[in-house]
N, C-alpha and C. Protein backbone atom coordinates (compact mmCIF):
# COMPACT_ATOMS: atom_id res chain seq x y z
N MET A 1 30.03 44.47 -16.61
CA MET A 1 29.93 43.23 -15.78
C MET A 1 31.19 42.64 -15.39
N ARG A 2 32.26 42.37 -14.46
CA ARG A 2 33.30 41.65 -14.22
C ARG A 2 32.92 40.42 -14.80
N LYS A 3 34.14 39.29 -14.64
CA LYS A 3 33.50 37.82 -14.60
C LYS A 3 33.42 37.49 -13.38
N ALA A 4 33.59 37.98 -12.26
CA ALA A 4 33.98 37.25 -10.94
C ALA A 4 32.01 37.67 -10.72
N SER A 5 31.47 38.69 -11.12
CA SER A 5 30.55 39.43 -10.41
C SER A 5 29.16 38.32 -11.82
N LYS A 6 29.56 38.17 -12.98
CA LYS A 6 28.82 37.48 -13.72
C LYS A 6 28.63 35.99 -13.08
N PHE A 7 30.07 35.45 -12.43
CA PHE A 7 29.81 33.71 -12.06
C PHE A 7 29.19 33.60 -11.13
N ILE A 8 29.16 34.82 -9.71
CA ILE A 8 28.43 34.87 -8.61
C ILE A 8 27.03 35.28 -8.96
N TYR A 9 26.19 35.82 -9.95
CA TYR A 9 25.17 36.11 -10.37
C TYR A 9 24.49 34.94 -11.01
N TYR A 10 25.20 34.23 -12.01
CA TYR A 10 24.48 32.93 -12.30
C TYR A 10 24.56 32.11 -11.34
N PHE A 11 25.73 32.15 -10.44
CA PHE A 11 25.83 30.62 -9.48
C PHE A 11 24.32 30.82 -8.34
N LEU A 12 24.29 32.27 -7.65
CA LEU A 12 23.13 32.65 -7.15
C LEU A 12 21.89 32.33 -7.97
N LYS A 13 21.52 32.60 -9.25
CA LYS A 13 20.09 32.40 -9.82
C LYS A 13 20.34 30.54 -9.96
N ILE A 14 20.99 29.80 -10.21
CA ILE A 14 20.93 28.33 -10.23
C ILE A 14 20.44 28.01 -8.48
N ILE A 15 20.97 28.25 -7.70
CA ILE A 15 21.24 27.94 -6.72
C ILE A 15 19.43 28.29 -5.96
N THR A 16 19.16 29.45 -6.15
CA THR A 16 17.88 30.47 -5.73
C THR A 16 16.60 29.83 -6.61
N PHE A 17 16.62 29.37 -7.72
CA PHE A 17 15.72 28.70 -8.43
C PHE A 17 15.69 27.09 -8.80
N ASN A 18 16.62 26.75 -8.23
CA ASN A 18 16.39 25.58 -7.98
C ASN A 18 16.66 24.64 -9.60
N GLN A 19 17.59 25.48 -10.17
CA GLN A 19 17.61 24.81 -11.83
C GLN A 19 18.08 23.66 -11.55
N ILE A 20 19.61 23.44 -11.01
CA ILE A 20 20.16 22.34 -11.49
C ILE A 20 19.46 20.92 -10.98
N THR A 21 18.83 20.85 -9.93
CA THR A 21 18.20 19.72 -9.31
C THR A 21 16.77 19.55 -10.41
N LYS A 22 16.33 20.22 -10.97
CA LYS A 22 15.16 20.66 -12.07
C LYS A 22 16.05 19.71 -13.04
N TYR A 23 17.09 20.41 -13.48
CA TYR A 23 17.99 19.70 -15.07
C TYR A 23 18.15 17.76 -14.62
N TRP A 24 18.85 17.61 -13.14
CA TRP A 24 19.03 16.66 -12.90
C TRP A 24 17.76 15.45 -12.67
N ALA A 25 16.64 16.00 -12.28
CA ALA A 25 15.51 15.05 -12.43
C ALA A 25 15.06 14.96 -13.42
N LYS A 26 15.06 15.61 -14.37
CA LYS A 26 14.62 15.59 -15.91
C LYS A 26 15.74 14.54 -16.43
N LYS A 27 16.89 14.84 -16.38
CA LYS A 27 17.90 13.76 -16.95
C LYS A 27 18.03 12.66 -16.26
N TYR A 28 18.02 12.46 -14.70
CA TYR A 28 17.85 10.70 -14.62
C TYR A 28 17.21 10.10 -13.77
N ASN A 29 15.98 10.81 -14.07
CA ASN A 29 14.41 10.12 -13.66
C ASN A 29 13.81 9.92 -14.73
N LYS A 30 14.30 8.78 -15.74
CA LYS A 30 13.01 8.25 -16.31
C LYS A 30 12.22 7.60 -15.80
N VAL A 31 10.80 7.35 -16.60
CA VAL A 31 10.18 6.45 -16.10
C VAL A 31 10.08 5.13 -17.14
N ASN A 32 10.47 4.00 -16.58
CA ASN A 32 10.22 2.84 -16.98
C ASN A 32 8.59 2.36 -17.42
N THR A 33 8.15 2.37 -18.42
CA THR A 33 6.91 2.32 -19.00
C THR A 33 6.74 0.88 -19.54
N THR A 34 7.45 0.05 -19.57
CA THR A 34 7.37 -1.38 -20.48
C THR A 34 7.22 -1.98 -19.37
N PHE A 35 6.20 -3.28 -19.62
CA PHE A 35 5.88 -4.30 -19.04
C PHE A 35 6.26 -5.57 -19.57
N ILE A 36 7.44 -6.20 -18.60
CA ILE A 36 7.13 -8.03 -19.01
C ILE A 36 6.55 -8.99 -18.74
N THR A 37 6.49 -9.39 -19.66
CA THR A 37 5.58 -10.93 -19.28
C THR A 37 6.61 -11.97 -20.10
N SER A 38 6.02 -13.37 -19.10
CA SER A 38 6.94 -14.28 -19.19
C SER A 38 5.97 -15.40 -19.82
N ASP A 39 7.03 -16.26 -20.99
CA ASP A 39 6.25 -17.00 -21.64
C ASP A 39 6.54 -18.90 -21.00
N LYS A 40 7.19 -18.92 -19.88
CA LYS A 40 7.41 -19.74 -19.16
C LYS A 40 6.21 -20.20 -18.58
N ILE A 41 5.39 -21.55 -18.04
CA ILE A 41 4.65 -22.11 -17.45
C ILE A 41 4.92 -22.73 -16.50
N PRO A 42 5.22 -22.32 -15.16
CA PRO A 42 5.59 -23.01 -14.13
C PRO A 42 5.13 -24.52 -13.38
N PHE A 43 4.37 -24.89 -13.80
CA PHE A 43 3.30 -25.94 -13.89
C PHE A 43 3.05 -26.60 -15.07
N SER A 44 2.42 -27.74 -14.91
CA SER A 44 1.67 -28.40 -15.68
C SER A 44 -0.03 -28.24 -16.21
N LEU A 45 -0.16 -27.61 -17.29
CA LEU A 45 -1.52 -27.36 -17.63
C LEU A 45 -2.49 -28.29 -17.72
N GLU A 46 -1.80 -29.60 -18.03
CA GLU A 46 -2.68 -30.98 -17.64
C GLU A 46 -3.50 -31.11 -16.10
N ASP A 47 -2.42 -30.83 -15.44
CA ASP A 47 -2.45 -30.98 -13.87
C ASP A 47 -4.21 -29.92 -13.41
N LEU A 48 -3.88 -29.00 -14.10
CA LEU A 48 -4.97 -27.85 -13.63
C LEU A 48 -6.02 -28.05 -14.45
N ILE A 49 -5.83 -28.33 -15.50
CA ILE A 49 -7.11 -28.79 -16.51
C ILE A 49 -8.18 -30.29 -16.04
N ASN A 50 -7.05 -31.06 -15.40
CA ASN A 50 -7.77 -32.22 -14.72
C ASN A 50 -8.22 -31.82 -13.13
N LEU A 51 -7.98 -30.96 -12.44
CA LEU A 51 -8.20 -30.43 -11.37
C LEU A 51 -9.79 -29.92 -11.59
N LEU A 52 -9.85 -28.78 -12.70
CA LEU A 52 -10.54 -27.94 -13.05
C LEU A 52 -11.81 -28.86 -13.59
N GLY A 53 -11.57 -29.81 -14.58
CA GLY A 53 -12.46 -30.09 -15.39
C GLY A 53 -12.52 -30.13 -16.35
N LYS A 54 -12.39 -30.55 -17.46
CA LYS A 54 -12.48 -30.01 -18.94
C LYS A 54 -14.00 -29.49 -19.17
N ASP A 55 -14.74 -30.17 -18.96
CA ASP A 55 -16.24 -30.00 -19.34
C ASP A 55 -16.96 -28.76 -18.38
N ASN A 56 -16.24 -28.32 -17.32
CA ASN A 56 -16.76 -27.53 -16.22
C ASN A 56 -16.32 -26.24 -16.78
N VAL A 57 -15.48 -25.87 -17.25
CA VAL A 57 -14.99 -24.86 -18.08
C VAL A 57 -15.59 -23.84 -18.95
N ALA A 58 -16.41 -23.00 -18.91
CA ALA A 58 -17.09 -21.95 -19.70
C ALA A 58 -16.30 -21.21 -20.44
N ASN A 59 -15.77 -20.12 -19.21
CA ASN A 59 -14.84 -19.22 -19.97
C ASN A 59 -13.60 -18.83 -19.55
N ILE A 60 -12.53 -18.27 -20.31
CA ILE A 60 -11.49 -17.87 -19.78
C ILE A 60 -11.02 -16.70 -19.91
N ASN A 61 -10.55 -15.74 -19.10
CA ASN A 61 -10.30 -14.01 -19.37
C ASN A 61 -8.89 -14.06 -18.57
N ASN A 62 -7.70 -13.09 -19.24
CA ASN A 62 -6.88 -12.97 -18.26
C ASN A 62 -6.64 -11.23 -17.92
N THR A 63 -6.24 -10.82 -17.03
CA THR A 63 -5.42 -9.59 -16.43
C THR A 63 -3.90 -9.52 -16.85
N LEU A 64 -3.19 -8.63 -16.21
CA LEU A 64 -2.09 -8.68 -16.37
C LEU A 64 -1.56 -10.03 -15.64
N SER A 65 -2.26 -9.98 -14.27
CA SER A 65 -1.43 -10.69 -13.44
C SER A 65 -2.38 -11.69 -13.03
N ARG A 66 -3.55 -11.98 -13.42
CA ARG A 66 -4.90 -13.01 -13.09
C ARG A 66 -4.82 -14.02 -14.14
N VAL A 67 -5.77 -14.84 -14.00
CA VAL A 67 -6.51 -15.89 -14.86
C VAL A 67 -7.39 -16.14 -14.57
N GLN A 68 -8.95 -15.75 -14.99
CA GLN A 68 -10.24 -15.42 -14.73
C GLN A 68 -10.81 -16.78 -15.49
N ILE A 69 -11.10 -17.76 -14.61
CA ILE A 69 -11.96 -18.80 -15.31
C ILE A 69 -13.37 -19.14 -14.45
N THR A 70 -14.22 -18.96 -15.77
CA THR A 70 -15.73 -19.27 -15.24
C THR A 70 -16.40 -20.75 -15.36
N LEU A 71 -16.68 -20.94 -14.54
CA LEU A 71 -17.09 -22.31 -14.40
C LEU A 71 -18.39 -22.44 -14.57
N ASN A 72 -18.60 -23.90 -14.92
CA ASN A 72 -19.75 -24.21 -14.86
C ASN A 72 -20.53 -24.74 -13.51
N ASN A 73 -19.80 -25.53 -12.58
CA ASN A 73 -20.34 -25.98 -11.64
C ASN A 73 -18.53 -25.63 -10.86
N SER A 74 -18.86 -25.41 -9.48
CA SER A 74 -17.58 -25.11 -8.58
C SER A 74 -18.03 -25.74 -7.45
N LYS A 75 -18.98 -26.82 -7.37
CA LYS A 75 -19.12 -27.18 -5.78
C LYS A 75 -17.88 -28.66 -6.08
N ASN A 76 -17.65 -28.87 -7.13
CA ASN A 76 -16.47 -30.59 -6.86
C ASN A 76 -15.14 -29.74 -6.85
N LEU A 77 -14.77 -28.65 -6.46
CA LEU A 77 -13.41 -28.20 -6.84
C LEU A 77 -12.74 -28.05 -5.78
N ASP A 78 -11.60 -28.49 -5.76
CA ASP A 78 -10.45 -28.98 -4.38
C ASP A 78 -9.54 -27.51 -4.47
N LEU A 79 -9.74 -26.95 -4.20
CA LEU A 79 -9.01 -25.35 -3.98
C LEU A 79 -7.62 -25.33 -3.33
N ASN A 80 -7.73 -26.41 -2.63
CA ASN A 80 -6.40 -26.85 -1.78
C ASN A 80 -5.63 -27.50 -2.79
N LYS A 81 -5.61 -28.63 -3.90
CA LYS A 81 -4.90 -29.11 -4.67
C LYS A 81 -4.35 -27.67 -5.61
N ILE A 82 -5.48 -26.93 -6.29
CA ILE A 82 -4.74 -25.50 -7.07
C ILE A 82 -3.87 -25.04 -6.53
N LYS A 83 -4.22 -24.55 -5.45
CA LYS A 83 -3.16 -23.91 -4.61
C LYS A 83 -1.93 -24.47 -4.64
N GLU A 84 -1.63 -25.72 -4.59
CA GLU A 84 -0.41 -26.21 -4.61
C GLU A 84 0.67 -26.18 -5.80
N LEU A 85 -0.26 -26.09 -6.77
CA LEU A 85 0.39 -26.04 -7.91
C LEU A 85 1.75 -24.85 -7.59
N ASN A 86 2.58 -25.26 -8.36
CA ASN A 86 4.11 -24.38 -8.70
C ASN A 86 3.44 -23.38 -9.35
N GLY A 87 3.70 -21.98 -8.66
CA GLY A 87 3.28 -20.61 -9.87
C GLY A 87 2.06 -19.91 -9.60
N ILE A 88 1.30 -20.54 -8.68
CA ILE A 88 -0.08 -20.13 -8.67
C ILE A 88 0.18 -19.71 -7.06
N SER A 89 0.24 -18.08 -7.02
CA SER A 89 0.24 -17.30 -5.96
C SER A 89 -0.65 -17.30 -4.97
N GLY A 90 -1.82 -17.39 -5.76
CA GLY A 90 -3.30 -17.25 -4.57
C GLY A 90 -4.26 -17.38 -5.95
N VAL A 91 -5.29 -18.05 -5.11
CA VAL A 91 -6.43 -18.62 -5.30
C VAL A 91 -7.59 -17.79 -5.09
N VAL A 92 -8.75 -17.34 -6.06
CA VAL A 92 -10.00 -16.51 -5.31
C VAL A 92 -11.39 -17.31 -5.98
N LEU A 93 -12.06 -17.89 -5.39
CA LEU A 93 -13.30 -18.26 -5.86
C LEU A 93 -14.87 -17.37 -5.27
N SER A 94 -15.14 -17.06 -6.50
CA SER A 94 -16.69 -16.34 -5.96
C SER A 94 -17.89 -16.71 -7.00
N GLN A 95 -18.69 -17.35 -6.15
CA GLN A 95 -19.84 -18.12 -7.26
C GLN A 95 -19.32 -19.20 -8.34
N ASN A 96 -19.61 -18.81 -9.38
CA ASN A 96 -18.65 -19.99 -10.37
C ASN A 96 -17.80 -18.99 -10.91
N THR A 97 -16.76 -18.16 -10.49
CA THR A 97 -15.39 -17.41 -10.84
C THR A 97 -14.08 -18.04 -10.09
N LEU A 98 -13.46 -18.50 -10.93
CA LEU A 98 -12.53 -19.06 -9.94
C LEU A 98 -11.16 -17.94 -10.68
N ASN A 99 -10.40 -17.19 -9.82
CA ASN A 99 -9.52 -16.13 -10.35
C ASN A 99 -8.07 -16.89 -9.66
N LEU A 100 -6.89 -17.23 -10.51
CA LEU A 100 -5.88 -17.63 -10.20
C LEU A 100 -4.85 -16.29 -10.19
N ILE A 101 -4.13 -16.52 -9.44
CA ILE A 101 -3.21 -15.20 -9.52
C ILE A 101 -1.78 -15.36 -9.71
N VAL A 102 -1.24 -15.72 -10.96
CA VAL A 102 -0.15 -16.37 -11.43
C VAL A 102 1.11 -15.19 -11.82
N GLY A 103 0.81 -13.88 -11.75
CA GLY A 103 2.30 -13.11 -12.34
C GLY A 103 1.98 -12.37 -13.42
N ASN A 104 3.11 -12.32 -14.22
CA ASN A 104 3.53 -11.99 -15.49
C ASN A 104 3.22 -12.71 -16.63
N ASN A 105 3.10 -14.31 -16.36
CA ASN A 105 2.74 -15.05 -17.01
C ASN A 105 1.48 -15.35 -17.61
N ALA A 106 0.47 -14.69 -17.34
CA ALA A 106 -0.93 -14.92 -16.85
C ALA A 106 -1.35 -14.98 -18.28
N SER A 107 -1.39 -13.88 -19.44
CA SER A 107 -1.80 -14.15 -20.59
C SER A 107 -1.42 -15.39 -21.51
N THR A 108 -0.06 -15.78 -21.10
CA THR A 108 0.35 -17.01 -21.67
C THR A 108 -0.63 -18.14 -21.16
N ILE A 109 -1.07 -17.88 -19.88
CA ILE A 109 -1.52 -19.28 -19.41
C ILE A 109 -2.72 -19.62 -20.07
N ALA A 110 -3.54 -17.96 -20.03
CA ALA A 110 -4.93 -18.02 -20.90
C ALA A 110 -4.90 -18.37 -21.72
N LEU A 111 -3.89 -17.93 -22.75
CA LEU A 111 -4.08 -18.43 -24.41
C LEU A 111 -3.92 -19.96 -24.46
N GLN A 112 -2.93 -20.50 -23.55
CA GLN A 112 -2.80 -22.22 -23.83
C GLN A 112 -4.00 -22.76 -23.24
N LEU A 113 -4.56 -22.43 -22.06
CA LEU A 113 -5.85 -23.48 -21.23
C LEU A 113 -7.37 -22.66 -22.36
N LYS A 114 -6.87 -21.84 -23.52
CA LYS A 114 -8.35 -21.63 -24.27
C LYS A 114 -7.93 -22.57 -25.26
N GLU A 115 -7.01 -22.72 -25.80
CA GLU A 115 -6.74 -23.63 -26.64
C GLU A 115 -6.91 -25.13 -26.46
N LYS A 116 -6.59 -25.37 -25.23
CA LYS A 116 -6.54 -26.78 -24.51
C LYS A 116 -8.19 -27.19 -24.21
N VAL A 117 -8.88 -26.18 -23.61
CA VAL A 117 -10.39 -26.36 -22.94
C VAL A 117 -11.06 -26.23 -24.12
N LEU A 118 -11.22 -24.73 -24.46
CA LEU A 118 -12.27 -24.23 -25.19
C LEU A 118 -12.36 -24.82 -26.61
N ASN A 119 -11.25 -24.87 -27.29
CA ASN A 119 -11.13 -25.57 -28.95
C ASN A 119 -10.94 -26.89 -28.74
N ASN A 120 -10.99 -27.65 -27.81
CA ASN A 120 -10.81 -28.92 -27.61
C ASN A 120 -9.44 -29.38 -28.25
N GLY A 121 -8.25 -28.90 -27.87
CA GLY A 121 -6.93 -28.87 -28.53
C GLY A 121 -5.91 -29.43 -27.76
């Protein structure tokens, strides 16, 4: 087989079986699997604790972007003032559970709230 024939053979093989795009897709489309969290809290935790009531908090949990606060009593809660805090993008109240949508610093906020409220710190 001559060089020109070999070239045409491999060229057509690459185009026909779409091997070059498979190679490029594998090389350049790497999936980013890291999650970035932030340690900065854009509002004062003391303001949030005062709005919730220190004795009113029963439990604090978090997900990647939410802080879930279980309250003893949600009757006297002022949701508008909580929504006005800088850094809280959403507030959801269902029965005695308050969900604060805070973004990628939810774990930091939950940890510091637990230290200050539940551990009497």
